Amino acid sequence: MTSRSVRGIAAGLLTAAVASAATGCSDDGGKVSSTVSGAASAAASAASRGSDVMASATAAAQEKLDGFKNGVNAKKDVKVGAVTNNNDGRAVATITVTNITDSAKSYMVQVNFRDGSGNLLDTAVVTVDDVEPRTPKKATARSNRSLGGDITADVGRALRH
């Protein structure tokens, strides 16, 4: 996650927290300033945890892709469908892999989940084995955590071997 993305998430959380605190009641005798300060601290903490989670997911995806031996770039072989949410709030996208070679191949695909502004929220890696030549094969990518709002998905990397 870029520092710009972290700042954007932190700013959004901070704005929501400040707006909520400024219009609500506080537990300390009506001192809104301490409520706002507490909300700002909570927002900054949440943004920091979000950054840590994203960094961890990105590192795990990179490690999986790096372990995929003798892989060649196959990003053009993969298409990502619309994103939906499953019962536990995780984002789900169907990917379709079409093997353009003359023999069965396996694929490892990194799917990036983004918000409406294009900020990276999560990433998942999907392995699709035994894709026959010129025969599309579908698989499902799921985010590692609950994601809300207008979520899209794209192919970050795709390797074939």
Protein backbone atom coordinates (compact mmCIF):
# COMPACT_ATOMS: atom_id res chain seq x y z
CA MET A 1 0.00 0.00 0.00
CA THR A 2 1.43 3.37 -0.94
CA SER A 3 1.87 6.12 1.60
CA ARG A 4 -0.69 8.10 -0.42
CA SER A 5 -3.22 5.28 0.07
CA VAL A 6 -2.50 5.11 3.80
CA ARG A 7 -2.92 8.88 4.09
CA GLY A 8 -6.18 8.69 2.15
CA ILE A 9 -7.57 5.95 4.37
CA ALA A 10 -6.39 7.75 7.51
CA ALA A 11 -7.93 11.02 6.32
CA GLY A 12 -11.24 9.32 5.57
CA LEU A 13 -11.31 7.58 8.94
CA LEU A 14 -10.31 10.77 10.72
CA THR A 15 -12.97 12.83 8.93
CA ALA A 16 -15.67 10.31 9.81
CA ALA A 17 -14.51 10.09 13.40
CA VAL A 18 -14.32 13.87 13.86
CA ALA A 19 -17.71 14.44 12.23
CA SER A 20 -19.27 11.76 14.40
CA ALA A 21 -17.69 13.07 17.57
CA ALA A 22 -18.51 16.70 16.84
CA THR A 23 -22.21 15.94 16.42
CA GLY A 24 -22.49 13.39 19.22
CA CYS A 25 -22.32 13.44 22.98
CA SER A 26 -19.23 12.71 24.98
CA ASP A 27 -18.81 10.74 28.19
CA ASP A 28 -16.62 13.32 29.91
CA GLY A 29 -19.10 16.06 30.76
CA GLY A 30 -19.59 17.39 27.27
CA LYS A 31 -15.96 18.09 26.40
CA VAL A 32 -16.07 17.43 22.68
CA SER A 33 -12.37 18.21 22.24
CA SER A 34 -11.30 15.15 24.23
CA THR A 35 -13.80 13.01 22.31
CA VAL A 36 -12.43 14.33 19.01
CA SER A 37 -8.88 13.67 20.18
CA GLY A 38 -9.79 10.11 21.16
CA ALA A 39 -11.54 9.56 17.84
CA ALA A 40 -8.55 10.91 15.93
CA SER A 41 -6.26 8.58 17.86
CA ALA A 42 -8.52 5.60 17.13
CA ALA A 43 -8.66 6.53 13.44
CA ALA A 44 -4.88 6.80 13.20
CA SER A 45 -4.53 3.45 14.96
CA ALA A 46 -7.02 1.81 12.57
CA ALA A 47 -5.20 3.24 9.56
CA SER A 48 -1.91 1.91 10.90
CA ARG A 49 -3.38 -1.58 11.39
CA GLY A 50 -4.87 -1.43 7.89
CA SER A 51 -1.46 -0.59 6.49
CA ASP A 52 0.12 -3.50 8.41
CA VAL A 53 -2.53 -5.93 7.14
CA MET A 54 -2.07 -4.74 3.55
CA ALA A 55 1.72 -4.98 3.78
CA SER A 56 1.40 -8.51 5.15
CA ALA A 57 -1.01 -9.61 2.39
CA THR A 58 1.20 -8.07 -0.30
CA ALA A 59 4.32 -9.75 1.09
CA ALA A 60 2.55 -13.12 1.27
CA ALA A 61 1.36 -12.77 -2.34
CA GLN A 62 4.86 -11.84 -3.48
CA GLU A 63 6.33 -14.83 -1.66
CA LYS A 64 3.86 -17.23 -3.29
CA LEU A 65 4.52 -15.81 -6.75
CA ASP A 66 8.28 -15.92 -6.23
CA GLY A 67 7.98 -19.61 -5.30
CA PHE A 68 6.21 -20.44 -8.58
CA LYS A 69 9.22 -21.88 -10.45
CA ASN A 70 9.85 -21.27 -14.15
CA GLY A 71 6.76 -19.10 -14.50
CA VAL A 72 6.34 -16.87 -17.52
CA ASN A 73 4.26 -13.72 -17.65
CA ALA A 74 0.70 -14.71 -18.57
CA LYS A 75 -1.27 -11.65 -17.50
CA LYS A 76 -2.95 -11.46 -20.91
CA ASP A 77 -4.34 -14.99 -20.37
CA VAL A 78 -6.44 -13.91 -17.37
CA LYS A 79 -9.67 -11.91 -17.11
CA VAL A 80 -11.37 -10.81 -13.87
CA GLY A 81 -15.14 -10.57 -13.49
CA ALA A 82 -17.24 -8.28 -11.32
CA VAL A 83 -16.72 -8.28 -7.56
CA THR A 84 -19.42 -9.45 -5.17
CA ASN A 85 -19.42 -9.94 -1.41
CA ASN A 86 -19.92 -13.36 0.16
CA ASN A 87 -21.72 -14.04 3.44
CA ASP A 88 -18.76 -13.06 5.64
CA GLY A 89 -18.22 -9.71 3.86
CA ARG A 90 -15.17 -10.76 1.89
CA ALA A 91 -14.91 -9.58 -1.70
CA VAL A 92 -15.15 -12.35 -4.29
CA ALA A 93 -14.19 -12.19 -7.98
CA THR A 94 -14.35 -14.90 -10.63
CA ILE A 95 -11.26 -15.14 -12.77
CA THR A 96 -11.15 -16.83 -16.16
CA VAL A 97 -7.87 -18.27 -17.42
CA THR A 98 -7.47 -19.16 -21.10
CA ASN A 99 -4.34 -21.13 -21.88
CA ILE A 100 -2.93 -19.92 -25.22
CA THR A 101 -0.26 -22.63 -25.49
CA ASP A 102 -0.46 -26.09 -27.06
CA SER A 103 -0.30 -28.11 -23.81
CA ALA A 104 -1.93 -28.04 -20.37
CA LYS A 105 -0.44 -25.44 -18.04
CA SER A 106 -0.83 -24.27 -14.45
CA TYR A 107 -1.27 -20.63 -13.48
CA MET A 108 -0.71 -18.53 -10.40
CA VAL A 109 -2.69 -15.29 -10.42
CA GLN A 110 -2.43 -12.29 -8.10
CA VAL A 111 -5.79 -10.51 -7.87
CA ASN A 112 -5.83 -6.98 -6.44
CA PHE A 113 -8.97 -5.63 -4.77
CA ARG A 114 -9.34 -1.85 -5.01
CA ASP A 115 -11.73 0.80 -3.74
CA GLY A 116 -13.63 3.22 -5.98
CA SER A 117 -10.61 5.57 -6.06
CA GLY A 118 -8.26 2.81 -7.19
CA ASN A 119 -6.52 2.39 -3.82
CA LEU A 120 -5.25 -1.11 -3.15
CA LEU A 121 -7.23 -2.66 -0.27
CA ASP A 122 -6.24 -6.32 -0.42
CA THR A 123 -4.58 -8.88 -2.63
CA ALA A 124 -5.11 -12.61 -3.08
CA VAL A 125 -3.25 -15.31 -4.96
CA VAL A 126 -5.11 -18.06 -6.79
CA THR A 127 -3.59 -21.20 -8.31
CA VAL A 128 -5.36 -22.67 -11.34
CA ASP A 129 -3.98 -26.09 -12.26
CA ASP A 130 -4.25 -28.11 -15.47
CA VAL A 131 -5.71 -25.50 -17.79
CA GLU A 132 -6.15 -27.22 -21.15
CA PRO A 133 -5.12 -25.44 -24.37
CA ARG A 134 -7.61 -22.82 -25.58
CA THR A 135 -10.17 -23.96 -23.00
CA PRO A 136 -11.19 -21.29 -20.46
CA LYS A 137 -11.11 -22.38 -16.83
CA LYS A 138 -12.71 -20.43 -13.99
CA ALA A 139 -11.50 -19.94 -10.44
CA THR A 140 -12.51 -17.74 -7.53
CA ALA A 141 -10.41 -15.09 -5.80
CA ARG A 142 -11.46 -14.05 -2.27
CA SER A 143 -10.15 -11.14 -0.27
CA ASN A 144 -8.38 -12.00 2.97
CA ARG A 145 -10.68 -9.76 5.02
CA SER A 146 -14.03 -8.01 4.84
CA LEU A 147 -14.18 -5.21 2.30
CA GLY A 148 -17.08 -2.82 1.84
CA GLY A 149 -18.10 -0.20 -0.66
CA ASP A 150 -17.49 -0.10 -4.39
CA ILE A 151 -14.80 -2.76 -4.82
CA THR A 152 -13.16 -3.71 -8.13
CA ALA A 153 -10.57 -6.36 -8.92
CA ASP A 154 -7.71 -6.53 -11.39
CA VAL A 155 -4.87 -8.87 -12.25
CA GLY A 156 -1.68 -7.78 -10.50
CA ARG A 157 0.50 -10.57 -11.90
CA ALA A 158 -0.14 -13.88 -13.61
CA LEU A 159 2.42 -16.60 -14.16
CA ARG A 160 2.12 -19.76 -16.26
CA HIS A 161 4.20 -22.94 -16.21
